[in-house]
Amino acid sequence: MNELLTAAQAAERLGVDSSTVARWCRKGLLPASKPGGHDWLISPDALEGFTHPARGPKPGADRRRLSQQAAELVEVSPGLLNGSQDFETGACILARATGNTKERARQALAKAIRRARNVNHK
């Protein structure tokens, strides 16, 4: 028989905080018991195949990822810097790759191009 895990042990295996595991248990998202009203006890089998409930990105994480990928696109596509490659195509590629809107991708790409031009002119 598998020994039951505490919320802290389950959290360590899932890579989250123990308060997150406790919240999932309270909401019924993660099967668990709370004998004696103390700590949540979770079967290791319950963790197998458990997927984290949908959660939003950490504040600013999406924007940083978009900026980073825009910079990488400019780096591998020098045509964006000199205008020989279509800006809108680059924005479309970036939007699809990051799951952002085309407008946000355009803004990030324009900023990455300005930065790359400033670096190249120094």
C-alpha atoms as a PDB file:
ATOM      1  CA  MET A   1       0.000   0.000   0.000  1.00  0.00           C
ATOM      2  CA  ASN A   2       1.243   3.504  -0.850  1.00  0.00           C
ATOM      3  CA  GLU A   3       1.802   5.826   2.076  1.00  0.00           C
ATOM      4  CA  LEU A   4      -0.217   9.007   1.992  1.00  0.00           C
ATOM      5  CA  LEU A   5       1.528  12.303   1.349  1.00  0.00           C
ATOM      6  CA  THR A   6       1.083  15.547   3.230  1.00  0.00           C
ATOM      7  CA  ALA A   7       0.202  18.706   1.302  1.00  0.00           C
ATOM      8  CA  ALA A   8       3.840  19.809   1.634  1.00  0.00           C
ATOM      9  CA  GLN A   9       5.132  16.525   0.183  1.00  0.00           C
ATOM     10  CA  ALA A  10       2.606  16.630  -2.664  1.00  0.00           C
ATOM     11  CA  ALA A  11       3.500  20.262  -3.328  1.00  0.00           C
ATOM     12  CA  GLU A  12       7.164  19.360  -3.614  1.00  0.00           C
ATOM     13  CA  ARG A  13       6.373  16.661  -6.175  1.00  0.00           C
ATOM     14  CA  LEU A  14       4.125  19.005  -8.162  1.00  0.00           C
ATOM     15  CA  GLY A  15       6.498  21.964  -7.955  1.00  0.00           C
ATOM     16  CA  VAL A  16       4.022  24.296  -6.246  1.00  0.00           C
ATOM     17  CA  ASP A  17       3.525  25.785  -2.785  1.00  0.00           C
ATOM     18  CA  SER A  18       1.782  23.698  -0.107  1.00  0.00           C
ATOM     19  CA  SER A  19      -0.934  26.357   0.205  1.00  0.00           C
ATOM     20  CA  THR A  20      -1.732  25.786  -3.482  1.00  0.00           C
ATOM     21  CA  VAL A  21      -2.128  22.045  -2.889  1.00  0.00           C
ATOM     22  CA  ALA A  22      -4.354  22.751   0.141  1.00  0.00           C
ATOM     23  CA  ARG A  23      -6.522  25.076  -1.982  1.00  0.00           C
ATOM     24  CA  TRP A  24      -6.857  22.395  -4.696  1.00  0.00           C
ATOM     25  CA  CYS A  25      -7.849  19.878  -2.022  1.00  0.00           C
ATOM     26  CA  ARG A  26     -10.459  22.260  -0.529  1.00  0.00           C
ATOM     27  CA  LYS A  27     -11.910  22.890  -3.990  1.00  0.00           C
ATOM     28  CA  GLY A  28     -12.006  19.165  -4.765  1.00  0.00           C
ATOM     29  CA  LEU A  29      -9.578  19.485  -7.671  1.00  0.00           C
ATOM     30  CA  LEU A  30      -7.125  17.094  -6.029  1.00  0.00           C
ATOM     31  CA  PRO A  31      -8.598  14.046  -4.239  1.00  0.00           C
ATOM     32  CA  ALA A  32      -7.525  14.115  -0.579  1.00  0.00           C
ATOM     33  CA  SER A  33      -8.729  13.517   2.944  1.00  0.00           C
ATOM     34  CA  LYS A  34      -8.299  15.528   6.105  1.00  0.00           C
ATOM     35  CA  PRO A  35      -8.567  13.060   8.994  1.00  0.00           C
ATOM     36  CA  GLY A  36      -8.796  14.703  12.392  1.00  0.00           C
ATOM     37  CA  GLY A  37      -9.106  18.126  10.711  1.00  0.00           C
ATOM     38  CA  HIS A  38      -5.362  18.661  10.556  1.00  0.00           C
ATOM     39  CA  ASP A  39      -3.238  18.269   7.424  1.00  0.00           C
ATOM     40  CA  TRP A  40      -4.488  17.152   4.033  1.00  0.00           C
ATOM     41  CA  LEU A  41      -3.429  13.620   3.104  1.00  0.00           C
ATOM     42  CA  ILE A  42      -3.064  12.771  -0.558  1.00  0.00           C
ATOM     43  CA  SER A  43      -2.511   9.430  -2.232  1.00  0.00           C
ATOM     44  CA  PRO A  44       0.550   9.343  -4.512  1.00  0.00           C
ATOM     45  CA  ASP A  45      -1.778   7.723  -7.066  1.00  0.00           C
ATOM     46  CA  ALA A  46      -3.850  10.942  -7.087  1.00  0.00           C
ATOM     47  CA  LEU A  47      -0.778  12.823  -8.289  1.00  0.00           C
ATOM     48  CA  GLU A  48      -0.263  10.490 -11.246  1.00  0.00           C
ATOM     49  CA  GLY A  49      -1.679  12.220 -14.285  1.00  0.00           C
ATOM     50  CA  PHE A  50      -2.800  15.235 -12.228  1.00  0.00           C
ATOM     51  CA  THR A  51      -2.699  18.374 -14.305  1.00  0.00           C
ATOM     52  CA  HIS A  52      -2.505  21.772 -12.713  1.00  0.00           C
ATOM     53  CA  PRO A  53      -5.740  23.716 -13.039  1.00  0.00           C
ATOM     54  CA  ALA A  54      -5.507  26.511 -15.566  1.00  0.00           C
ATOM     55  CA  ARG A  55      -3.746  29.496 -14.128  1.00  0.00           C
ATOM     56  CA  GLY A  56      -2.655  32.771 -15.573  1.00  0.00           C
ATOM     57  CA  PRO A  57       0.955  33.673 -16.085  1.00  0.00           C
ATOM     58  CA  LYS A  58       2.873  35.472 -13.382  1.00  0.00           C
ATOM     59  CA  PRO A  59       2.552  39.240 -13.773  1.00  0.00           C
ATOM     60  CA  GLY A  60       4.873  40.399 -16.530  1.00  0.00           C
ATOM     61  CA  ALA A  61       5.923  36.859 -17.526  1.00  0.00           C
ATOM     62  CA  ASP A  62       3.928  36.928 -20.765  1.00  0.00           C
ATOM     63  CA  ARG A  63       5.305  40.334 -21.707  1.00  0.00           C
ATOM     64  CA  ARG A  64       8.894  39.253 -20.996  1.00  0.00           C
ATOM     65  CA  ARG A  65       8.431  36.096 -23.065  1.00  0.00           C
ATOM     66  CA  LEU A  66       6.991  38.097 -25.940  1.00  0.00           C
ATOM     67  CA  SER A  67       9.875  40.597 -25.805  1.00  0.00           C
ATOM     68  CA  GLN A  68      12.436  37.812 -25.667  1.00  0.00           C
ATOM     69  CA  GLN A  69      10.941  35.982 -28.639  1.00  0.00           C
ATOM     70  CA  ALA A  70      10.663  39.220 -30.609  1.00  0.00           C
ATOM     71  CA  ALA A  71      14.371  39.855 -30.010  1.00  0.00           C
ATOM     72  CA  GLU A  72      15.188  36.300 -31.097  1.00  0.00           C
ATOM     73  CA  LEU A  73      13.117  36.725 -34.270  1.00  0.00           C
ATOM     74  CA  VAL A  74      14.973  39.932 -35.134  1.00  0.00           C
ATOM     75  CA  GLU A  75      18.280  38.195 -34.476  1.00  0.00           C
ATOM     76  CA  VAL A  76      17.554  35.301 -36.859  1.00  0.00           C
ATOM     77  CA  SER A  77      15.792  37.485 -39.434  1.00  0.00           C
ATOM     78  CA  PRO A  78      18.115  40.376 -40.285  1.00  0.00           C
ATOM     79  CA  GLY A  79      15.759  41.346 -43.109  1.00  0.00           C
ATOM     80  CA  LEU A  80      13.475  42.839 -40.467  1.00  0.00           C
ATOM     81  CA  LEU A  81      16.175  45.380 -39.614  1.00  0.00           C
ATOM     82  CA  ASN A  82      16.835  46.592 -43.138  1.00  0.00           C
ATOM     83  CA  GLY A  83      13.214  46.381 -44.319  1.00  0.00           C
ATOM     84  CA  SER A  84      13.729  43.594 -46.854  1.00  0.00           C
ATOM     85  CA  GLN A  85      11.520  41.255 -44.827  1.00  0.00           C
ATOM     86  CA  ASP A  86       7.848  42.050 -44.311  1.00  0.00           C
ATOM     87  CA  PHE A  87       7.168  43.393 -40.826  1.00  0.00           C
ATOM     88  CA  GLU A  88       3.580  42.091 -40.810  1.00  0.00           C
ATOM     89  CA  THR A  89       4.771  38.567 -41.604  1.00  0.00           C
ATOM     90  CA  GLY A  90       7.191  38.769 -38.689  1.00  0.00           C
ATOM     91  CA  ALA A  91       4.421  40.024 -36.395  1.00  0.00           C
ATOM     92  CA  CYS A  92       2.146  37.180 -37.529  1.00  0.00           C
ATOM     93  CA  ILE A  93       4.844  34.591 -36.823  1.00  0.00           C
ATOM     94  CA  LEU A  94       5.476  36.114 -33.403  1.00  0.00           C
ATOM     95  CA  ALA A  95       1.760  36.264 -32.539  1.00  0.00           C
ATOM     96  CA  ARG A  96       1.276  32.591 -33.435  1.00  0.00           C
ATOM     97  CA  ALA A  97       4.408  31.471 -31.597  1.00  0.00           C
ATOM     98  CA  THR A  98       3.493  33.257 -28.382  1.00  0.00           C
ATOM     99  CA  GLY A  99      -0.305  33.112 -28.439  1.00  0.00           C
ATOM    100  CA  ASN A 100      -0.537  36.904 -28.324  1.00  0.00           C
ATOM    101  CA  THR A 101      -2.623  39.243 -30.437  1.00  0.00           C
ATOM    102  CA  LYS A 102      -1.103  40.610 -33.620  1.00  0.00           C
ATOM    103  CA  GLU A 103      -1.183  44.103 -32.126  1.00  0.00           C
ATOM    104  CA  ARG A 104       0.879  43.083 -29.085  1.00  0.00           C
ATOM    105  CA  ALA A 105       3.232  41.160 -31.375  1.00  0.00           C
ATOM    106  CA  ARG A 106       3.619  44.232 -33.625  1.00  0.00           C
ATOM    107  CA  GLN A 107       4.470  46.416 -30.618  1.00  0.00           C
ATOM    108  CA  ALA A 108       7.016  43.934 -29.266  1.00  0.00           C
ATOM    109  CA  LEU A 109       8.569  43.422 -32.679  1.00  0.00           C
ATOM    110  CA  ALA A 110       8.859  47.170 -33.333  1.00  0.00           C
ATOM    111  CA  LYS A 111      10.538  47.620 -29.949  1.00  0.00           C
ATOM    112  CA  ALA A 112      12.952  44.725 -30.620  1.00  0.00           C
ATOM    113  CA  ILE A 113      13.853  46.211 -34.011  1.00  0.00           C
ATOM    114  CA  ARG A 114      14.516  49.646 -32.448  1.00  0.00           C
ATOM    115  CA  ARG A 115      16.725  48.064 -29.797  1.00  0.00           C
ATOM    116  CA  ALA A 116      18.654  46.021 -32.358  1.00  0.00           C
ATOM    117  CA  ARG A 117      19.194  49.087 -34.540  1.00  0.00           C
ATOM    118  CA  ASN A 118      20.481  51.076 -31.553  1.00  0.00           C
ATOM    119  CA  VAL A 119      22.920  48.287 -30.662  1.00  0.00           C
ATOM    120  CA  ASN A 120      24.135  48.036 -34.264  1.00  0.00           C
ATOM    121  CA  HIS A 121      24.716  51.795 -34.567  1.00  0.00           C
ATOM    122  CA  LYS A 122      26.810  52.098 -31.398  1.00  0.00           C
END
